[in-house]
Amino acid sequence: MRLDGVGRRYGARGPWVLRDVDLHLPRRSLVRVEGRNGSGKSTLLRLLAGIDAPSKGRVTGRPRTAYVPERFPDALPFTAAGYLTHLGRIHGLRGSEAARRAADWLERFGAGGHAGTPLAELSKGTSQKVAVSQALLAEPDLLVLDEAWTGLDPAARDTLDRAVAERVAEGGTVVFVDHDPRRLAGAADARYRVVGNRLDRLPDAAEAGLAEVRAPSGPQVTVEAELPGGAGRLAETTGLGDLPGRPVVTPGADGTTARLTVPAAHSDALLRALLTARPPWHVRAVAPVPQAPAASGPQGPPDGPTPDENRSP
């Protein structure tokens, strides 16, 4: 998908919210958009999703798209399951398949008990789970998330992290805005910032000329696996750059295994990619990476008098 010279303003004489935006979104990529409140981030996401049309420029190659808006329209005459089934059918699913996926996603987000609840009676957090589910059940090629994590409980946020990783692993593109700078830290393939009605790409660590590209912070998981077909050298194995989470790959000493380390949110998607590869990887072990203890500052003598100080003169 491409945006070429795209601009957007509201009204023929309104100020430009965005101008001269050029953007290429490749398949199998995770893209983060940043910017201050009111900078135009949501306008950009609405253009990507096809909700708004550009005032100038061209948008080409938009794939099958699903969108989670910043505010969910909960005043609709549906139950949670009914709404999701209806949206699934709009996306082209058969009624029975739409209903099955609706139930699956509600359960996955811990909202299965609210399937029969009218949307207007749902809490804000449960409404947000429905909003996210409607986008994911269609398995879109482009998933656009505008503050989609806001209002979700920690377990649901982790579920959405994993769902994003799965979409990318399955060949989709995900574009997201989130106020938390730690959201999917280290996982994005590209980062952009909207400033002064322009869209600027932010350099990654390598492009910025840093001497070392560090592994992502936060919880991580290591997967130990045999290389496909028992390959003797890691260099002979293709597709490593496409693996979910962009794992840090450490070859095993015997030349037939590798250790892959990814952010914990991407571990499920990585395992799925390894096991469904052709030929498949043989997974030997999966383990969390121990977290280093927080630094406590320079080590000095304990508070209070030392043994020598306790002595009488």
C-alpha atoms as a PDB file:
ATOM      1  CA  MET A   1       0.000   0.000   0.000  1.00  0.00           C
ATOM      2  CA  ARG A   2       1.267   3.488  -0.842  1.00  0.00           C
ATOM      3  CA  LEU A   3       0.458   7.087   0.003  1.00  0.00           C
ATOM      4  CA  ASP A   4       1.903   9.567  -2.493  1.00  0.00           C
ATOM      5  CA  GLY A   5       1.747  13.287  -1.800  1.00  0.00           C
ATOM      6  CA  VAL A   6      -1.292  12.809   0.423  1.00  0.00           C
ATOM      7  CA  GLY A   7      -2.823  15.756   2.227  1.00  0.00           C
ATOM      8  CA  ARG A   8      -5.952  16.104   4.331  1.00  0.00           C
ATOM      9  CA  ARG A   9      -7.917  19.084   5.535  1.00  0.00           C
ATOM     10  CA  TYR A  10     -11.495  19.485   6.677  1.00  0.00           C
ATOM     11  CA  GLY A  11     -13.339  22.012   4.556  1.00  0.00           C
ATOM     12  CA  ALA A  12     -12.207  23.731   1.382  1.00  0.00           C
ATOM     13  CA  ARG A  13     -10.409  26.462   3.327  1.00  0.00           C
ATOM     14  CA  GLY A  14      -9.595  24.612   6.513  1.00  0.00           C
ATOM     15  CA  PRO A  15      -6.012  24.272   7.727  1.00  0.00           C
ATOM     16  CA  TRP A  16      -4.019  21.312   6.500  1.00  0.00           C
ATOM     17  CA  VAL A  17      -3.946  18.540   9.086  1.00  0.00           C
ATOM     18  CA  LEU A  18      -1.523  16.534   6.929  1.00  0.00           C
ATOM     19  CA  ARG A  19       0.469  17.586   3.862  1.00  0.00           C
ATOM     20  CA  ASP A  20       2.741  15.842   1.361  1.00  0.00           C
ATOM     21  CA  VAL A  21       2.672  12.477   3.092  1.00  0.00           C
ATOM     22  CA  ASP A  22       4.633   9.751   1.296  1.00  0.00           C
ATOM     23  CA  LEU A  23       4.411   6.329   2.906  1.00  0.00           C
ATOM     24  CA  HIS A  24       4.974   2.749   1.793  1.00  0.00           C
ATOM     25  CA  LEU A  25       3.531  -0.080   3.886  1.00  0.00           C
ATOM     26  CA  PRO A  26       5.009  -3.456   2.891  1.00  0.00           C
ATOM     27  CA  ARG A  27       3.476  -6.791   3.788  1.00  0.00           C
ATOM     28  CA  ARG A  28       4.529  -8.518   6.988  1.00  0.00           C
ATOM     29  CA  SER A  29       5.435  -5.304   8.791  1.00  0.00           C
ATOM     30  CA  LEU A  30       4.631  -3.587  12.077  1.00  0.00           C
ATOM     31  CA  VAL A  31       4.566   0.215  11.932  1.00  0.00           C
ATOM     32  CA  ARG A  32       4.300   2.598  14.886  1.00  0.00           C
ATOM     33  CA  VAL A  33       3.020   6.171  14.473  1.00  0.00           C
ATOM     34  CA  GLU A  34       3.907   8.763  17.130  1.00  0.00           C
ATOM     35  CA  GLY A  35       3.116  12.412  17.746  1.00  0.00           C
ATOM     36  CA  ARG A  36       1.608  14.758  20.278  1.00  0.00           C
ATOM     37  CA  ASN A  37      -2.137  14.969  20.852  1.00  0.00           C
ATOM     38  CA  GLY A  38      -3.849  16.728  17.967  1.00  0.00           C
ATOM     39  CA  SER A  39      -0.892  16.330  15.620  1.00  0.00           C
ATOM     40  CA  GLY A  40      -2.850  14.352  13.025  1.00  0.00           C
ATOM     41  CA  LYS A  41      -2.103  10.739  13.995  1.00  0.00           C
ATOM     42  CA  SER A  42      -5.759   9.692  13.979  1.00  0.00           C
ATOM     43  CA  THR A  43      -6.320  11.475  10.662  1.00  0.00           C
ATOM     44  CA  LEU A  44      -3.457   9.484   9.150  1.00  0.00           C
ATOM     45  CA  LEU A  45      -4.881   6.210  10.464  1.00  0.00           C
ATOM     46  CA  ARG A  46      -8.330   7.082   9.079  1.00  0.00           C
ATOM     47  CA  LEU A  47      -6.744   7.691   5.680  1.00  0.00           C
ATOM     48  CA  LEU A  48      -4.960   4.348   5.855  1.00  0.00           C
ATOM     49  CA  ALA A  49      -8.182   2.563   6.817  1.00  0.00           C
ATOM     50  CA  GLY A  50     -10.184   4.236   4.064  1.00  0.00           C
ATOM     51  CA  ILE A  51     -12.511   5.988   6.516  1.00  0.00           C
ATOM     52  CA  ASP A  52     -11.411   9.407   5.199  1.00  0.00           C
ATOM     53  CA  ALA A  53     -10.466  10.290   1.639  1.00  0.00           C
ATOM     54  CA  PRO A  54      -7.398  12.432   0.951  1.00  0.00           C
ATOM     55  CA  SER A  55      -7.931  16.069   0.005  1.00  0.00           C
ATOM     56  CA  LYS A  56      -4.960  15.736  -2.345  1.00  0.00           C
ATOM     57  CA  GLY A  57      -2.568  13.000  -3.421  1.00  0.00           C
ATOM     58  CA  ARG A  58      -3.182   9.308  -4.020  1.00  0.00           C
ATOM     59  CA  VAL A  59      -3.681   6.179  -1.927  1.00  0.00           C
ATOM     60  CA  THR A  60      -3.057   2.979  -3.887  1.00  0.00           C
ATOM     61  CA  GLY A  61      -2.922  -0.728  -3.168  1.00  0.00           C
ATOM     62  CA  ARG A  62      -5.082  -0.714  -0.045  1.00  0.00           C
ATOM     63  CA  PRO A  63      -5.619  -4.378   0.922  1.00  0.00           C
ATOM     64  CA  ARG A  64      -8.474  -5.883   2.920  1.00  0.00           C
ATOM     65  CA  THR A  65      -8.497  -3.632   5.961  1.00  0.00           C
ATOM     66  CA  ALA A  66      -9.873  -3.598   9.515  1.00  0.00           C
ATOM     67  CA  TYR A  67      -9.819  -0.606  11.838  1.00  0.00           C
ATOM     68  CA  VAL A  68     -10.125  -0.081  15.582  1.00  0.00           C
ATOM     69  CA  PRO A  69     -11.097   3.562  16.186  1.00  0.00           C
ATOM     70  CA  GLU A  70     -10.071   5.622  19.171  1.00  0.00           C
ATOM     71  CA  ARG A  71     -13.720   5.683  20.300  1.00  0.00           C
ATOM     72  CA  PHE A  72     -16.011   2.688  19.906  1.00  0.00           C
ATOM     73  CA  PRO A  73     -19.650   3.454  18.905  1.00  0.00           C
ATOM     74  CA  ASP A  74     -21.378   1.433  21.619  1.00  0.00           C
ATOM     75  CA  ALA A  75     -24.896   2.874  21.097  1.00  0.00           C
ATOM     76  CA  LEU A  76     -25.799   0.250  18.494  1.00  0.00           C
ATOM     77  CA  PRO A  77     -28.789  -2.167  18.640  1.00  0.00           C
ATOM     78  CA  PHE A  78     -26.696  -5.341  18.962  1.00  0.00           C
ATOM     79  CA  THR A  79     -25.451  -7.717  21.574  1.00  0.00           C
ATOM     80  CA  ALA A  80     -21.690  -8.214  21.660  1.00  0.00           C
ATOM     81  CA  ALA A  81     -21.877 -11.507  19.755  1.00  0.00           C
ATOM     82  CA  GLY A  82     -24.524 -10.182  17.385  1.00  0.00           C
ATOM     83  CA  TYR A  83     -22.415  -7.165  16.505  1.00  0.00           C
ATOM     84  CA  LEU A  84     -19.309  -9.259  15.864  1.00  0.00           C
ATOM     85  CA  THR A  85     -21.242 -11.757  13.744  1.00  0.00           C
ATOM     86  CA  HIS A  86     -22.750  -8.890  11.740  1.00  0.00           C
ATOM     87  CA  LEU A  87     -19.310  -7.347  11.135  1.00  0.00           C
ATOM     88  CA  GLY A  88     -17.919 -10.742  10.203  1.00  0.00           C
ATOM     89  CA  ARG A  89     -20.564 -11.137   7.515  1.00  0.00           C
ATOM     90  CA  ILE A  90     -19.794  -7.650   6.197  1.00  0.00           C
ATOM     91  CA  HIS A  91     -16.177  -8.813   5.891  1.00  0.00           C
ATOM     92  CA  GLY A  92     -17.401 -11.718   3.743  1.00  0.00           C
ATOM     93  CA  LEU A  93     -17.618 -14.571   6.248  1.00  0.00           C
ATOM     94  CA  ARG A  94     -20.515 -17.009   6.278  1.00  0.00           C
ATOM     95  CA  GLY A  95     -22.862 -16.559   9.204  1.00  0.00           C
ATOM     96  CA  SER A  96     -21.782 -19.718  11.027  1.00  0.00           C
ATOM     97  CA  GLU A  97     -18.086 -18.934  10.569  1.00  0.00           C
ATOM     98  CA  ALA A  98     -18.600 -15.332  11.679  1.00  0.00           C
ATOM     99  CA  ALA A  99     -20.432 -16.538  14.811  1.00  0.00           C
ATOM    100  CA  ARG A 100     -17.673 -19.054  15.593  1.00  0.00           C
ATOM    101  CA  ARG A 101     -14.905 -16.485  15.259  1.00  0.00           C
ATOM    102  CA  ALA A 102     -16.914 -13.989  17.313  1.00  0.00           C
ATOM    103  CA  ALA A 103     -17.213 -16.488  20.152  1.00  0.00           C
ATOM    104  CA  ASP A 104     -13.531 -17.438  19.889  1.00  0.00           C
ATOM    105  CA  TRP A 105     -12.286 -13.846  20.099  1.00  0.00           C
ATOM    106  CA  LEU A 106     -14.606 -12.940  22.961  1.00  0.00           C
ATOM    107  CA  GLU A 107     -13.278 -15.935  24.890  1.00  0.00           C
ATOM    108  CA  ARG A 108      -9.700 -15.087  24.028  1.00  0.00           C
ATOM    109  CA  PHE A 109     -10.138 -11.583  25.432  1.00  0.00           C
ATOM    110  CA  GLY A 110     -11.903 -12.889  28.538  1.00  0.00           C
ATOM    111  CA  ALA A 111     -15.291 -11.491  27.515  1.00  0.00           C
ATOM    112  CA  GLY A 112     -17.121 -14.703  26.612  1.00  0.00           C
ATOM    113  CA  GLY A 113     -19.573 -14.172  29.455  1.00  0.00           C
ATOM    114  CA  HIS A 114     -20.779 -10.959  27.814  1.00  0.00           C
ATOM    115  CA  ALA A 115     -21.649 -12.447  24.416  1.00  0.00           C
ATOM    116  CA  GLY A 116     -25.365 -11.860  24.961  1.00  0.00           C
ATOM    117  CA  THR A 117     -25.030  -8.426  26.594  1.00  0.00           C
ATOM    118  CA  PRO A 118     -26.290  -5.388  24.628  1.00  0.00           C
ATOM    119  CA  LEU A 119     -23.440  -3.116  23.565  1.00  0.00           C
ATOM    120  CA  ALA A 120     -24.916  -0.150  25.431  1.00  0.00           C
ATOM    121  CA  GLU A 121     -24.700  -2.092  28.716  1.00  0.00           C
ATOM    122  CA  LEU A 122     -21.054  -3.106  28.428  1.00  0.00           C
ATOM    123  CA  SER A 123     -18.339  -1.507  30.524  1.00  0.00           C
ATOM    124  CA  LYS A 124     -15.745   0.599  28.725  1.00  0.00           C
ATOM    125  CA  GLY A 125     -13.164  -2.175  28.998  1.00  0.00           C
ATOM    126  CA  THR A 126     -15.473  -4.859  27.621  1.00  0.00           C
ATOM    127  CA  SER A 127     -16.618  -2.521  24.832  1.00  0.00           C
ATOM    128  CA  GLN A 128     -12.971  -2.129  23.863  1.00  0.00           C
ATOM    129  CA  LYS A 129     -12.555  -5.907  23.756  1.00  0.00           C
ATOM    130  CA  VAL A 130     -15.481  -6.066  21.326  1.00  0.00           C
ATOM    131  CA  ALA A 131     -13.980  -3.253  19.232  1.00  0.00           C
ATOM    132  CA  VAL A 132     -10.676  -5.096  18.938  1.00  0.00           C
ATOM    133  CA  SER A 133     -12.369  -8.446  18.270  1.00  0.00           C
ATOM    134  CA  GLN A 134     -14.344  -7.059  15.316  1.00  0.00           C
ATOM    135  CA  ALA A 135     -11.101  -6.116  13.601  1.00  0.00           C
ATOM    136  CA  LEU A 136      -9.241  -9.338  14.341  1.00  0.00           C
ATOM    137  CA  LEU A 137     -11.923 -11.874  13.457  1.00  0.00           C
ATOM    138  CA  ALA A 138     -11.723 -10.921   9.772  1.00  0.00           C
ATOM    139  CA  GLU A 139      -7.966 -11.713   9.630  1.00  0.00           C
ATOM    140  CA  PRO A 140      -7.298  -8.495   7.657  1.00  0.00           C
ATOM    141  CA  ASP A 141      -4.279  -7.863   5.468  1.00  0.00           C
ATOM    142  CA  LEU A 142      -4.011  -4.368   6.976  1.00  0.00           C
ATOM    143  CA  LEU A 143      -4.883  -3.843  10.642  1.00  0.00           C
ATOM    144  CA  VAL A 144      -5.097  -0.226  11.828  1.00  0.00           C
ATOM    145  CA  LEU A 145      -5.157   0.328  15.607  1.00  0.00           C
ATOM    146  CA  ASP A 146      -5.820   3.776  17.089  1.00  0.00           C
ATOM    147  CA  GLU A 147      -5.109   3.574  20.847  1.00  0.00           C
ATOM    148  CA  ALA A 148      -6.612   0.062  20.792  1.00  0.00           C
ATOM    149  CA  TRP A 149      -4.960  -0.949  24.102  1.00  0.00           C
ATOM    150  CA  THR A 150      -6.622   1.892  26.036  1.00  0.00           C
ATOM    151  CA  GLY A 151      -9.183   0.563  28.520  1.00  0.00           C
ATOM    152  CA  LEU A 152      -8.047  -3.054  28.298  1.00  0.00           C
ATOM    153  CA  ASP A 153      -6.991  -4.955  31.409  1.00  0.00           C
ATOM    154  CA  PRO A 154      -3.400  -6.304  31.511  1.00  0.00           C
ATOM    155  CA  ALA A 155      -4.379  -9.802  30.343  1.00  0.00           C
ATOM    156  CA  ALA A 156      -6.307  -8.389  27.383  1.00  0.00           C
ATOM    157  CA  ARG A 157      -3.400  -6.105  26.486  1.00  0.00           C
ATOM    158  CA  ASP A 158      -1.110  -9.141  26.368  1.00  0.00           C
ATOM    159  CA  THR A 159      -3.665 -10.930  24.190  1.00  0.00           C
ATOM    160  CA  LEU A 160      -3.710  -8.006  21.769  1.00  0.00           C
ATOM    161  CA  ASP A 161       0.109  -7.936  21.708  1.00  0.00           C
ATOM    162  CA  ARG A 162       0.108 -11.599  20.689  1.00  0.00           C
ATOM    163  CA  ALA A 163      -2.659 -11.055  18.130  1.00  0.00           C
ATOM    164  CA  VAL A 164      -0.656  -8.269  16.505  1.00  0.00           C
ATOM    165  CA  ALA A 165       2.398 -10.519  16.304  1.00  0.00           C
ATOM    166  CA  GLU A 166       0.272 -13.267  14.743  1.00  0.00           C
ATOM    167  CA  ARG A 167      -1.123 -10.907  12.085  1.00  0.00           C
ATOM    168  CA  VAL A 168       2.384  -9.879  11.074  1.00  0.00           C
ATOM    169  CA  ALA A 169       3.612 -13.495  11.125  1.00  0.00           C
ATOM    170  CA  GLU A 170       0.780 -14.481   8.793  1.00  0.00           C
ATOM    171  CA  GLY A 171       1.786 -11.841   6.248  1.00  0.00           C
ATOM    172  CA  GLY A 172      -0.317  -8.896   7.378  1.00  0.00           C
ATOM    173  CA  THR A 173       0.600  -5.278   8.020  1.00  0.00           C
ATOM    174  CA  VAL A 174      -0.225  -3.583  11.325  1.00  0.00           C
ATOM    175  CA  VAL A 175      -0.132   0.182  11.876  1.00  0.00           C
ATOM    176  CA  PHE A 176      -0.709   1.387  15.419  1.00  0.00           C
ATOM    177  CA  VAL A 177      -0.785   4.411  17.673  1.00  0.00           C
ATOM    178  CA  ASP A 178      -0.437   4.027  21.420  1.00  0.00           C
ATOM    179  CA  HIS A 179       0.331   6.502  24.192  1.00  0.00           C
ATOM    180  CA  ASP A 180       2.597   4.010  25.991  1.00  0.00           C
ATOM    181  CA  PRO A 181       6.134   4.200  24.534  1.00  0.00           C
ATOM    182  CA  ARG A 182       6.781   0.658  25.809  1.00  0.00           C
ATOM    183  CA  ARG A 183       4.002  -0.827  23.697  1.00  0.00           C
ATOM    184  CA  LEU A 184       5.577  -3.520  21.478  1.00  0.00           C
ATOM    185  CA  ALA A 185       8.973  -1.999  22.268  1.00  0.00           C
ATOM    186  CA  GLY A 186      11.664  -3.211  19.908  1.00  0.00           C
ATOM    187  CA  ALA A 187       9.207  -5.040  17.658  1.00  0.00           C
ATOM    188  CA  ALA A 188       8.264  -2.318  15.157  1.00  0.00           C
ATOM    189  CA  ASP A 189       9.801  -2.520  11.698  1.00  0.00           C
ATOM    190  CA  ALA A 190       9.400   1.240  11.224  1.00  0.00           C
ATOM    191  CA  ARG A 191       8.489   4.253  13.357  1.00  0.00           C
ATOM    192  CA  TYR A 192       7.040   7.526  12.120  1.00  0.00           C
ATOM    193  CA  ARG A 193       6.218  10.818  13.813  1.00  0.00           C
ATOM    194  CA  VAL A 194       3.563  13.315  12.765  1.00  0.00           C
ATOM    195  CA  VAL A 195       4.805  16.842  13.417  1.00  0.00           C
ATOM    196  CA  GLY A 196       3.824  20.153  11.814  1.00  0.00           C
ATOM    197  CA  ASN A 197       1.357  18.369   9.466  1.00  0.00           C
ATOM    198  CA  ARG A 198       4.223  16.282   8.039  1.00  0.00           C
ATOM    199  CA  LEU A 199       5.113  12.625   8.491  1.00  0.00           C
ATOM    200  CA  ASP A 200       8.748  11.921   9.311  1.00  0.00           C
ATOM    201  CA  ARG A 201      10.356   8.518   9.550  1.00  0.00           C
ATOM    202  CA  LEU A 202      12.351   7.991  12.728  1.00  0.00           C
ATOM    203  CA  PRO A 203      15.717   6.232  12.323  1.00  0.00           C
ATOM    204  CA  ASP A 204      16.244   2.907  14.018  1.00  0.00           C
ATOM    205  CA  ALA A 205      19.360   2.204  16.019  1.00  0.00           C
ATOM    206  CA  ALA A 206      21.388   1.004  13.033  1.00  0.00           C
ATOM    207  CA  GLU A 207      20.389   3.972  10.842  1.00  0.00           C
ATOM    208  CA  ALA A 208      21.268   6.362  13.664  1.00  0.00           C
ATOM    209  CA  GLY A 209      24.837   5.032  13.608  1.00  0.00           C
ATOM    210  CA  LEU A 210      24.827   3.491  17.056  1.00  0.00           C
ATOM    211  CA  ALA A 211      27.691   1.107  17.679  1.00  0.00           C
ATOM    212  CA  GLU A 212      25.420  -1.598  19.030  1.00  0.00           C
ATOM    213  CA  VAL A 213      21.800  -2.553  18.381  1.00  0.00           C
ATOM    214  CA  ARG A 214      20.515  -3.761  21.710  1.00  0.00           C
ATOM    215  CA  ALA A 215      17.885  -6.432  22.244  1.00  0.00           C
ATOM    216  CA  PRO A 216      14.402  -5.138  23.127  1.00  0.00           C
ATOM    217  CA  SER A 217      13.742  -4.387  26.767  1.00  0.00           C
ATOM    218  CA  GLY A 218      11.033  -6.130  28.772  1.00  0.00           C
ATOM    219  CA  PRO A 219      10.203  -9.827  29.214  1.00  0.00           C
ATOM    220  CA  GLN A 220      11.762 -12.092  26.594  1.00  0.00           C
ATOM    221  CA  VAL A 221      11.533 -15.750  25.654  1.00  0.00           C
ATOM    222  CA  THR A 222      14.180 -18.030  24.185  1.00  0.00           C
ATOM    223  CA  VAL A 223      13.286 -20.846  21.788  1.00  0.00           C
ATOM    224  CA  GLU A 224      15.868 -23.578  21.180  1.00  0.00           C
ATOM    225  CA  ALA A 225      15.209 -25.401  17.929  1.00  0.00           C
ATOM    226  CA  GLU A 226      16.829 -27.631  15.324  1.00  0.00           C
ATOM    227  CA  LEU A 227      17.314 -25.982  11.960  1.00  0.00           C
ATOM    228  CA  PRO A 228      14.969 -27.099   9.143  1.00  0.00           C
ATOM    229  CA  GLY A 229      16.146 -30.292   7.507  1.00  0.00           C
ATOM    230  CA  GLY A 230      19.059 -30.563   9.910  1.00  0.00           C
ATOM    231  CA  ALA A 231      20.981 -27.858   8.050  1.00  0.00           C
ATOM    232  CA  GLY A 232      24.632 -27.783   9.023  1.00  0.00           C
ATOM    233  CA  ARG A 233      25.041 -24.032   8.863  1.00  0.00           C
ATOM    234  CA  LEU A 234      22.691 -21.289   9.949  1.00  0.00           C
ATOM    235  CA  ALA A 235      23.457 -19.286   6.822  1.00  0.00           C
ATOM    236  CA  GLU A 236      21.786 -21.986   4.728  1.00  0.00           C
ATOM    237  CA  THR A 237      18.455 -21.443   6.477  1.00  0.00           C
ATOM    238  CA  THR A 238      16.249 -18.931   4.689  1.00  0.00           C
ATOM    239  CA  GLY A 239      13.495 -16.704   6.007  1.00  0.00           C
ATOM    240  CA  LEU A 240      15.099 -15.684   9.317  1.00  0.00           C
ATOM    241  CA  GLY A 241      14.412 -12.028   8.580  1.00  0.00           C
ATOM    242  CA  ASP A 242      10.697 -12.760   8.243  1.00  0.00           C
ATOM    243  CA  LEU A 243      10.274 -14.482  11.599  1.00  0.00           C
ATOM    244  CA  PRO A 244       7.897 -12.764  14.047  1.00  0.00           C
ATOM    245  CA  GLY A 245       9.500 -10.432  16.540  1.00  0.00           C
ATOM    246  CA  ARG A 246      12.752 -10.253  14.560  1.00  0.00           C
ATOM    247  CA  PRO A 247      14.477 -12.704  16.913  1.00  0.00           C
ATOM    248  CA  VAL A 248      18.081 -12.423  18.006  1.00  0.00           C
ATOM    249  CA  VAL A 249      19.515 -15.659  16.563  1.00  0.00           C
ATOM    250  CA  THR A 250      22.439 -17.438  18.228  1.00  0.00           C
ATOM    251  CA  PRO A 251      23.816 -20.496  16.381  1.00  0.00           C
ATOM    252  CA  GLY A 252      24.332 -23.647  18.421  1.00  0.00           C
ATOM    253  CA  ALA A 253      27.817 -25.093  18.835  1.00  0.00           C
ATOM    254  CA  ASP A 254      26.913 -28.236  16.859  1.00  0.00           C
ATOM    255  CA  GLY A 255      25.766 -26.281  13.794  1.00  0.00           C
ATOM    256  CA  THR A 256      22.339 -27.941  13.694  1.00  0.00           C
ATOM    257  CA  THR A 257      20.517 -25.860  16.324  1.00  0.00           C
ATOM    258  CA  ALA A 258      19.841 -22.213  17.023  1.00  0.00           C
ATOM    259  CA  ARG A 259      18.595 -20.191  19.945  1.00  0.00           C
ATOM    260  CA  LEU A 260      16.050 -17.501  19.037  1.00  0.00           C
ATOM    261  CA  THR A 261      15.217 -14.747  21.540  1.00  0.00           C
ATOM    262  CA  VAL A 262      12.154 -12.534  21.112  1.00  0.00           C
ATOM    263  CA  PRO A 263       9.943 -10.269  23.222  1.00  0.00           C
ATOM    264  CA  ALA A 264       7.492 -12.453  25.145  1.00  0.00           C
ATOM    265  CA  ALA A 265       4.542 -10.956  23.250  1.00  0.00           C
ATOM    266  CA  HIS A 266       5.875 -12.523  20.042  1.00  0.00           C
ATOM    267  CA  SER A 267       6.707 -15.975  21.396  1.00  0.00           C
ATOM    268  CA  ASP A 268       3.425 -17.637  20.366  1.00  0.00           C
ATOM    269  CA  ALA A 269       3.651 -16.241  16.837  1.00  0.00           C
ATOM    270  CA  LEU A 270       7.305 -17.285  16.555  1.00  0.00           C
ATOM    271  CA  LEU A 271       6.508 -20.838  17.619  1.00  0.00           C
ATOM    272  CA  ARG A 272       3.681 -21.035  15.124  1.00  0.00           C
ATOM    273  CA  ALA A 273       5.956 -19.771  12.335  1.00  0.00           C
ATOM    274  CA  LEU A 274       8.679 -22.296  13.188  1.00  0.00           C
ATOM    275  CA  LEU A 275       6.314 -25.256  13.432  1.00  0.00           C
ATOM    276  CA  THR A 276       4.416 -24.453  10.231  1.00  0.00           C
ATOM    277  CA  ALA A 277       7.504 -23.648   8.137  1.00  0.00           C
ATOM    278  CA  ARG A 278       8.276 -25.867   5.146  1.00  0.00           C
ATOM    279  CA  PRO A 279      10.335 -27.728   6.194  1.00  0.00           C
ATOM    280  CA  PRO A 280       9.410 -27.227   9.871  1.00  0.00           C
ATOM    281  CA  TRP A 281      11.799 -26.488  12.698  1.00  0.00           C
ATOM    282  CA  HIS A 282      12.002 -29.003  15.541  1.00  0.00           C
ATOM    283  CA  VAL A 283      11.472 -27.074  18.786  1.00  0.00           C
ATOM    284  CA  ARG A 284      13.492 -28.507  21.681  1.00  0.00           C
ATOM    285  CA  ALA A 285      12.792 -26.056  24.483  1.00  0.00           C
ATOM    286  CA  VAL A 286      11.037 -22.793  25.291  1.00  0.00           C
ATOM    287  CA  ALA A 287      12.045 -20.775  28.342  1.00  0.00           C
ATOM    288  CA  PRO A 288      11.714 -17.224  29.683  1.00  0.00           C
ATOM    289  CA  VAL A 289      14.898 -15.184  29.777  1.00  0.00           C
ATOM    290  CA  PRO A 290      15.776 -14.331  33.395  1.00  0.00           C
ATOM    291  CA  GLN A 291      15.385 -10.637  34.066  1.00  0.00           C
ATOM    292  CA  ALA A 292      18.415  -8.852  35.424  1.00  0.00           C
ATOM    293  CA  PRO A 293      17.813  -7.347  38.872  1.00  0.00           C
ATOM    294  CA  ALA A 294      17.303  -3.602  38.956  1.00  0.00           C
ATOM    295  CA  ALA A 295      20.411  -1.620  39.748  1.00  0.00           C
ATOM    296  CA  SER A 296      20.465  -0.430  43.311  1.00  0.00           C
ATOM    297  CA  GLY A 297      23.260   2.124  43.028  1.00  0.00           C
ATOM    298  CA  PRO A 298      26.828   1.940  44.260  1.00  0.00           C
ATOM    299  CA  GLN A 299      27.449  -0.677  46.878  1.00  0.00           C
ATOM    300  CA  GLY A 300      28.725   0.782  50.109  1.00  0.00           C
ATOM    301  CA  PRO A 301      28.706  -0.052  53.789  1.00  0.00           C
ATOM    302  CA  PRO A 302      25.311  -0.691  55.362  1.00  0.00           C
ATOM    303  CA  ASP A 303      23.546   2.104  57.158  1.00  0.00           C
ATOM    304  CA  GLY A 304      24.549   2.529  60.787  1.00  0.00           C
ATOM    305  CA  PRO A 305      27.858   2.091  62.529  1.00  0.00           C
ATOM    306  CA  THR A 306      30.382  -0.436  61.339  1.00  0.00           C
ATOM    307  CA  PRO A 307      31.708  -3.106  63.727  1.00  0.00           C
ATOM    308  CA  ASP A 308      34.780  -0.976  64.323  1.00  0.00           C
ATOM    309  CA  GLU A 309      32.609   1.991  65.191  1.00  0.00           C
ATOM    310  CA  ASN A 310      30.824  -0.096  67.831  1.00  0.00           C
ATOM    311  CA  ARG A 311      34.052  -0.540  69.741  1.00  0.00           C
ATOM    312  CA  SER A 312      34.761   1.639  72.703  1.00  0.00           C
ATOM    313  CA  PRO A 313      37.815   3.840  72.345  1.00  0.00           C
END
